[in-house]
PDB file of N, CA and C in Angstrom:
ATOM      1  N   UNK A   1       0.848  -1.195  -0.008  1.00  0.00           N
ATOM      2  CA  UNK A   1       0.040  -0.034   0.013  1.00  0.00           C
ATOM      3  C   UNK A   1       0.918   1.311  -0.097  1.00  0.00           C
ATOM      4  N   UNK A   2       0.699   2.069  -0.938  1.00  0.00           N
ATOM      5  CA  UNK A   2       1.377   3.282  -1.090  1.00  0.00           C
ATOM      6  C   UNK A   2       0.494   4.543  -0.773  1.00  0.00           C
ATOM      7  N   UNK A   3       0.683   5.196   0.312  1.00  0.00           N
ATOM      8  CA  UNK A   3      -0.252   6.229   0.792  1.00  0.00           C
ATOM      9  C   UNK A   3       0.121   7.512   0.274  1.00  0.00           C
ATOM     10  N   UNK A   4      -0.882   8.316  -0.074  1.00  0.00           N
ATOM     11  CA  UNK A   4      -0.624   9.545  -0.647  1.00  0.00           C
ATOM     12  C   UNK A   4      -1.427  10.667   0.248  1.00  0.00           C
ATOM     13  N   UNK A   5      -0.765  11.753   0.557  1.00  0.00           N
ATOM     14  CA  UNK A   5      -1.395  12.898   1.222  1.00  0.00           C
ATOM     15  C   UNK A   5      -2.385  13.613   0.213  1.00  0.00           C
ATOM     16  N   UNK A   6      -3.022  14.618   0.635  1.00  0.00           N
ATOM     17  CA  UNK A   6      -3.786  15.391  -0.347  1.00  0.00           C
ATOM     18  C   UNK A   6      -2.867  16.146  -1.186  1.00  0.00           C
ATOM     19  N   UNK A   7      -1.730  16.712  -0.555  1.00  0.00           N
ATOM     20  CA  UNK A   7      -0.777  17.383  -1.427  1.00  0.00           C
ATOM     21  C   UNK A   7      -0.118  16.457  -2.489  1.00  0.00           C
ATOM     22  N   UNK A   8       0.269  15.259  -2.057  1.00  0.00           N
ATOM     23  CA  UNK A   8       0.731  14.215  -3.020  1.00  0.00           C
ATOM     24  C   UNK A   8      -0.300  13.972  -4.145  1.00  0.00           C
ATOM     25  N   UNK A   9      -1.561  13.769  -3.774  1.00  0.00           N
ATOM     26  CA  UNK A   9      -2.626  13.603  -4.733  1.00  0.00           C
ATOM     27  C   UNK A   9      -2.706  14.654  -5.614  1.00  0.00           C
ATOM     28  N   UNK A  10      -2.689  15.885  -5.233  1.00  0.00           N
ATOM     29  CA  UNK A  10      -2.800  17.147  -6.050  1.00  0.00           C
ATOM     30  C   UNK A  10      -1.710  17.074  -7.129  1.00  0.00           C
ATOM     31  N   UNK A  11      -0.416  16.729  -6.697  1.00  0.00           N
ATOM     32  CA  UNK A  11       0.716  16.738  -7.541  1.00  0.00           C
ATOM     33  C   UNK A  11       0.569  15.577  -8.526  1.00  0.00           C
ATOM     34  N   UNK A  12       0.086  14.443  -8.118  1.00  0.00           N
ATOM     35  CA  UNK A  12      -0.137  13.218  -8.984  1.00  0.00           C
ATOM     36  C   UNK A  12      -1.075  13.490 -10.009  1.00  0.00           C
ATOM     37  N   UNK A  13      -2.232  14.208  -9.681  1.00  0.00           N
ATOM     38  CA  UNK A  13      -3.301  14.522 -10.699  1.00  0.00           C
ATOM     39  C   UNK A  13      -2.996  15.882 -11.507  1.00  0.00           C
ATOM     40  N   UNK A  14      -2.116  16.598 -11.024  1.00  0.00           N
ATOM     41  CA  UNK A  14      -1.835  17.970 -11.705  1.00  0.00           C
ATOM     42  C   UNK A  14      -2.907  18.963 -11.291  1.00  0.00           C
ATOM     43  N   UNK A  15      -3.511  18.802 -10.115  1.00  0.00           N
ATOM     44  CA  UNK A  15      -4.487  19.622  -9.617  1.00  0.00           C
ATOM     45  C   UNK A  15      -4.078  20.490  -8.503  1.00  0.00           C
ATOM     46  N   UNK A  16      -4.860  21.387  -7.967  1.00  0.00           N
ATOM     47  CA  UNK A  16      -4.508  22.088  -6.801  1.00  0.00           C
ATOM     48  C   UNK A  16      -5.062  21.369  -5.641  1.00  0.00           C
ATOM     49  N   UNK A  17      -4.702  21.720  -4.431  1.00  0.00           N
ATOM     50  CA  UNK A  17      -5.206  21.036  -3.206  1.00  0.00           C
ATOM     51  C   UNK A  17      -6.606  21.501  -3.043  1.00  0.00           C
ATOM     52  N   UNK A  18      -6.931  22.661  -3.495  1.00  0.00           N
ATOM     53  CA  UNK A  18      -8.333  23.208  -3.375  1.00  0.00           C
ATOM     54  C   UNK A  18      -9.218  22.341  -4.200  1.00  0.00           C
ATOM     55  N   UNK A  19      -8.782  21.918  -5.440  1.00  0.00           N
ATOM     56  CA  UNK A  19      -9.603  21.110  -6.300  1.00  0.00           C
ATOM     57  C   UNK A  19      -9.813  19.659  -5.615  1.00  0.00           C
ATOM     58  N   UNK A  20      -8.788  19.229  -4.990  1.00  0.00           N
ATOM     59  CA  UNK A  20      -8.953  17.928  -4.226  1.00  0.00           C
ATOM     60  C   UNK A  20      -9.855  18.010  -3.151  1.00  0.00           C
ATOM     61  N   UNK A  21      -9.898  19.118  -2.391  1.00  0.00           N
ATOM     62  CA  UNK A  21     -10.887  19.359  -1.390  1.00  0.00           C
ATOM     63  C   UNK A  21     -12.330  19.440  -1.980  1.00  0.00           C
ATOM     64  N   UNK A  22     -12.463  19.983  -3.163  1.00  0.00           N
ATOM     65  CA  UNK A  22     -13.741  20.006  -3.906  1.00  0.00           C
ATOM     66  C   UNK A  22     -14.197  18.622  -4.239  1.00  0.00           C
ATOM     67  N   UNK A  23     -13.293  17.753  -4.684  1.00  0.00           N
ATOM     68  CA  UNK A  23     -13.643  16.435  -5.001  1.00  0.00           C
ATOM     69  C   UNK A  23     -14.104  15.659  -3.795  1.00  0.00           C
ATOM     70  N   UNK A  24     -13.531  15.868  -2.706  1.00  0.00           N
ATOM     71  CA  UNK A  24     -13.862  15.205  -1.464  1.00  0.00           C
ATOM     72  C   UNK A  24     -15.226  15.715  -0.992  1.00  0.00           C
ATOM     73  N   UNK A  25     -15.473  16.939  -1.062  1.00  0.00           N
ATOM     74  CA  UNK A  25     -16.752  17.544  -0.688  1.00  0.00           C
ATOM     75  C   UNK A  25     -17.849  17.046  -1.534  1.00  0.00           C
ATOM     76  N   UNK A  26     -17.554  16.879  -2.865  1.00  0.00           N
ATOM     77  CA  UNK A  26     -18.709  16.471  -3.755  1.00  0.00           C
ATOM     78  C   UNK A  26     -18.899  15.076  -3.624  1.00  0.00           C
ATOM     79  N   UNK A  27     -17.949  14.267  -2.940  1.00  0.00           N
ATOM     80  CA  UNK A  27     -18.002  12.717  -2.991  1.00  0.00           C
ATOM     81  C   UNK A  27     -17.452  12.111  -4.208  1.00  0.00           C
ATOM     82  N   UNK A  28     -17.048  12.874  -5.131  1.00  0.00           N
ATOM     83  CA  UNK A  28     -16.456  12.338  -6.377  1.00  0.00           C
ATOM     84  C   UNK A  28     -14.821  12.307  -6.167  1.00  0.00           C
ATOM     85  N   UNK A  29     -14.391  11.281  -5.472  1.00  0.00           N
ATOM     86  CA  UNK A  29     -12.966  11.224  -5.242  1.00  0.00           C
ATOM     87  C   UNK A  29     -12.643   9.805  -4.999  1.00  0.00           C
ATOM     88  N   UNK A  30     -11.432   9.456  -4.991  1.00  0.00           N
ATOM     89  CA  UNK A  30     -10.977   8.047  -4.802  1.00  0.00           C
ATOM     90  C   UNK A  30     -11.354   7.675  -3.126  1.00  0.00           C
ATOM     91  N   UNK A  31     -11.580   6.447  -2.998  1.00  0.00           N
ATOM     92  CA  UNK A  31     -11.697   6.073  -1.548  1.00  0.00           C
ATOM     93  C   UNK A  31     -10.437   6.671  -0.768  1.00  0.00           C
ATOM     94  N   UNK A  32     -10.736   6.996   0.533  1.00  0.00           N
ATOM     95  CA  UNK A  32      -9.643   7.484   1.301  1.00  0.00           C
ATOM     96  C   UNK A  32      -9.652   6.948   2.645  1.00  0.00           C
ATOM     97  N   UNK A  33      -8.570   7.093   3.420  1.00  0.00           N
ATOM     98  CA  UNK A  33      -8.317   6.596   4.772  1.00  0.00           C
ATOM     99  C   UNK A  33      -8.326   7.901   5.574  1.00  0.00           C
ATOM    100  N   UNK A  34      -9.255   8.058   6.561  1.00  0.00           N
ATOM    101  CA  UNK A  34      -9.187   9.058   7.481  1.00  0.00           C
ATOM    102  C   UNK A  34      -8.396   8.738   8.736  1.00  0.00           C
ATOM    103  N   UNK A  35      -7.220   9.243   8.931  1.00  0.00           N
ATOM    104  CA  UNK A  35      -6.413   8.883  10.065  1.00  0.00           C
ATOM    105  C   UNK A  35      -6.858   9.697  11.212  1.00  0.00           C
ATOM    106  N   UNK A  36      -7.266  10.993  10.988  1.00  0.00           N
ATOM    107  CA  UNK A  36      -7.670  11.813  11.981  1.00  0.00           C
ATOM    108  C   UNK A  36      -8.534  12.906  11.250  1.00  0.00           C
ATOM    109  N   UNK A  37      -9.140  13.910  11.966  1.00  0.00           N
ATOM    110  CA  UNK A  37      -9.911  14.822  11.290  1.00  0.00           C
ATOM    111  C   UNK A  37      -9.231  15.702  10.261  1.00  0.00           C
ATOM    112  N   UNK A  38      -7.886  15.819  10.440  1.00  0.00           N
ATOM    113  CA  UNK A  38      -7.212  16.591   9.542  1.00  0.00           C
ATOM    114  C   UNK A  38      -6.162  15.720   8.760  1.00  0.00           C
ATOM    115  N   UNK A  39      -6.223  14.473   8.814  1.00  0.00           N
ATOM    116  CA  UNK A  39      -5.156  13.671   8.205  1.00  0.00           C
ATOM    117  C   UNK A  39      -5.833  12.561   7.303  1.00  0.00           C
ATOM    118  N   UNK A  40      -5.901  12.905   6.032  1.00  0.00           N
ATOM    119  CA  UNK A  40      -6.594  11.955   4.997  1.00  0.00           C
ATOM    120  C   UNK A  40      -5.379  11.368   4.160  1.00  0.00           C
ATOM    121  N   UNK A  41      -5.528  10.202   3.934  1.00  0.00           N
ATOM    122  CA  UNK A  41      -4.539   9.420   2.961  1.00  0.00           C
ATOM    123  C   UNK A  41      -5.274   8.721   1.855  1.00  0.00           C
ATOM    124  N   UNK A  42      -4.704   8.643   0.725  1.00  0.00           N
ATOM    125  CA  UNK A  42      -5.259   7.896  -0.369  1.00  0.00           C
ATOM    126  C   UNK A  42      -4.299   6.758  -0.824  1.00  0.00           C
ATOM    127  N   UNK A  43      -4.772   5.587  -1.013  1.00  0.00           N
ATOM    128  CA  UNK A  43      -4.000   4.597  -1.461  1.00  0.00           C
ATOM    129  C   UNK A  43      -3.774   4.723  -3.029  1.00  0.00           C
ATOM    130  N   UNK A  44      -2.635   4.783  -3.510  1.00  0.00           N
ATOM    131  CA  UNK A  44      -2.313   5.037  -4.938  1.00  0.00           C
ATOM    132  C   UNK A  44      -3.095   3.964  -5.876  1.00  0.00           C
ATOM    133  N   UNK A  45      -3.202   2.795  -5.478  1.00  0.00           N
ATOM    134  CA  UNK A  45      -3.976   1.721  -6.216  1.00  0.00           C
ATOM    135  C   UNK A  45      -5.420   2.290  -6.348  1.00  0.00           C
ATOM    136  N   UNK A  46      -6.005   2.701  -5.362  1.00  0.00           N
ATOM    137  CA  UNK A  46      -7.467   3.215  -5.371  1.00  0.00           C
ATOM    138  C   UNK A  46      -7.475   4.410  -6.319  1.00  0.00           C
ATOM    139  N   UNK A  47      -6.487   5.254  -6.177  1.00  0.00           N
ATOM    140  CA  UNK A  47      -6.510   6.477  -7.065  1.00  0.00           C
ATOM    141  C   UNK A  47      -6.439   6.042  -8.586  1.00  0.00           C
ATOM    142  N   UNK A  48      -5.544   5.093  -8.875  1.00  0.00           N
ATOM    143  CA  UNK A  48      -5.443   4.538 -10.260  1.00  0.00           C
ATOM    144  C   UNK A  48      -6.759   3.942 -10.800  1.00  0.00           C
ATOM    145  N   UNK A  49      -7.423   3.172  -9.885  1.00  0.00           N
ATOM    146  CA  UNK A  49      -8.714   2.558 -10.319  1.00  0.00           C
ATOM    147  C   UNK A  49      -9.649   3.583 -10.492  1.00  0.00           C
ATOM    148  N   UNK A  50      -9.802   4.714  -9.614  1.00  0.00           N
ATOM    149  CA  UNK A  50     -10.676   5.764  -9.784  1.00  0.00           C
ATOM    150  C   UNK A  50     -10.404   6.438 -11.107  1.00  0.00           C
ATOM    151  N   UNK A  51      -9.244   6.673 -11.363  1.00  0.00           N
ATOM    152  CA  UNK A  51      -8.941   7.393 -12.723  1.00  0.00           C
ATOM    153  C   UNK A  51      -9.295   6.485 -13.906  1.00  0.00           C
ATOM    154  N   UNK A  52      -9.115   5.183 -13.757  1.00  0.00           N
ATOM    155  CA  UNK A  52      -9.312   4.292 -14.938  1.00  0.00           C
ATOM    156  C   UNK A  52     -10.835   4.310 -15.092  1.00  0.00           C
ATOM    157  N   UNK A  53     -11.744   4.416 -14.062  1.00  0.00           N
ATOM    158  CA  UNK A  53     -13.098   4.370 -14.257  1.00  0.00           C
ATOM    159  C   UNK A  53     -13.682   5.701 -14.795  1.00  0.00           C
ATOM    160  N   UNK A  54     -12.751   6.703 -14.803  1.00  0.00           N
ATOM    161  CA  UNK A  54     -13.179   8.059 -15.388  1.00  0.00           C
ATOM    162  C   UNK A  54     -12.872   8.151 -16.932  1.00  0.00           C
ATOM    163  N   UNK A  55     -12.191   7.109 -17.422  1.00  0.00           N
ATOM    164  CA  UNK A  55     -11.801   7.251 -18.861  1.00  0.00           C
ATOM    165  C   UNK A  55     -12.966   7.369 -19.661  1.00  0.00           C
ATOM    166  N   UNK A  56     -12.923   8.077 -20.693  1.00  0.00           N
ATOM    167  CA  UNK A  56     -13.910   8.170 -21.753  1.00  0.00           C
ATOM    168  C   UNK A  56     -13.335   7.908 -22.917  1.00  0.00           C
ATOM    169  N   UNK A  57     -14.030   7.035 -23.852  1.00  0.00           N
ATOM    170  CA  UNK A  57     -13.583   6.628 -25.115  1.00  0.00           C
ATOM    171  C   UNK A  57     -14.593   7.289 -26.102  1.00  0.00           C
ATOM    172  N   UNK A  58     -13.995   8.299 -26.810  1.00  0.00           N
ATOM    173  CA  UNK A  58     -14.822   9.046 -27.695  1.00  0.00           C
ATOM    174  C   UNK A  58     -15.355   8.198 -28.776  1.00  0.00           C
ATOM    175  N   UNK A  59     -16.517   8.341 -29.157  1.00  0.00           N
ATOM    176  CA  UNK A  59     -17.131   7.586 -30.190  1.00  0.00           C
ATOM    177  C   UNK A  59     -16.819   8.238 -31.557  1.00  0.00           C
ATOM    178  N   UNK A  60     -16.246   7.503 -32.518  1.00  0.00           N
ATOM    179  CA  UNK A  60     -15.992   8.044 -33.866  1.00  0.00           C
ATOM    180  C   UNK A  60     -17.266   8.505 -34.478  1.00  0.00           C
ATOM    181  N   UNK A  61     -17.083   9.668 -35.121  1.00  0.00           N
ATOM    182  CA  UNK A  61     -18.292  10.066 -35.879  1.00  0.00           C
ATOM    183  C   UNK A  61     -18.363   9.300 -37.142  1.00  0.00           C
ATOM    184  N   UNK A  62     -19.600   9.179 -37.602  1.00  0.00           N
ATOM    185  CA  UNK A  62     -19.840   8.343 -38.890  1.00  0.00           C
ATOM    186  C   UNK A  62     -19.100   8.945 -40.090  1.00  0.00           C
ATOM    187  N   UNK A  63     -18.807  10.201 -40.278  1.00  0.00           N
ATOM    188  CA  UNK A  63     -18.119  10.778 -41.248  1.00  0.00           C
ATOM    189  C   UNK A  63     -16.577  10.539 -41.273  1.00  0.00           C
ATOM    190  N   UNK A  64     -16.086  10.212 -40.066  1.00  0.00           N
ATOM    191  CA  UNK A  64     -14.717   9.985 -39.872  1.00  0.00           C
ATOM    192  C   UNK A  64     -14.409   8.541 -40.454  1.00  0.00           C
ATOM    193  N   UNK A  65     -15.331   7.656 -40.475  1.00  0.00           N
ATOM    194  CA  UNK A  65     -15.155   6.372 -40.916  1.00  0.00           C
ATOM    195  C   UNK A  65     -14.969   6.222 -42.386  1.00  0.00           C
ATOM    196  N   UNK A  66     -15.315   7.273 -43.247  1.00  0.00           N
ATOM    197  CA  UNK A  66     -15.226   7.112 -44.652  1.00  0.00           C
ATOM    198  C   UNK A  66     -13.878   7.544 -45.187  1.00  0.00           C
TER     199      UNK A  66
END
């Protein structure tokens, strides 16, 4: 298990800490471990699975097929 802090997660995702807090507040975030009220950790495997679930495969437009 490789634990990441909110700061680590922000760097990993290329987002700000504020954005990570918004993800948490909205419930749209990877599962996390709450060690205390101010100490939240994310397992990197959970983060990677969360990211994989967010992948979008664009559908080819019909005109692109010709």
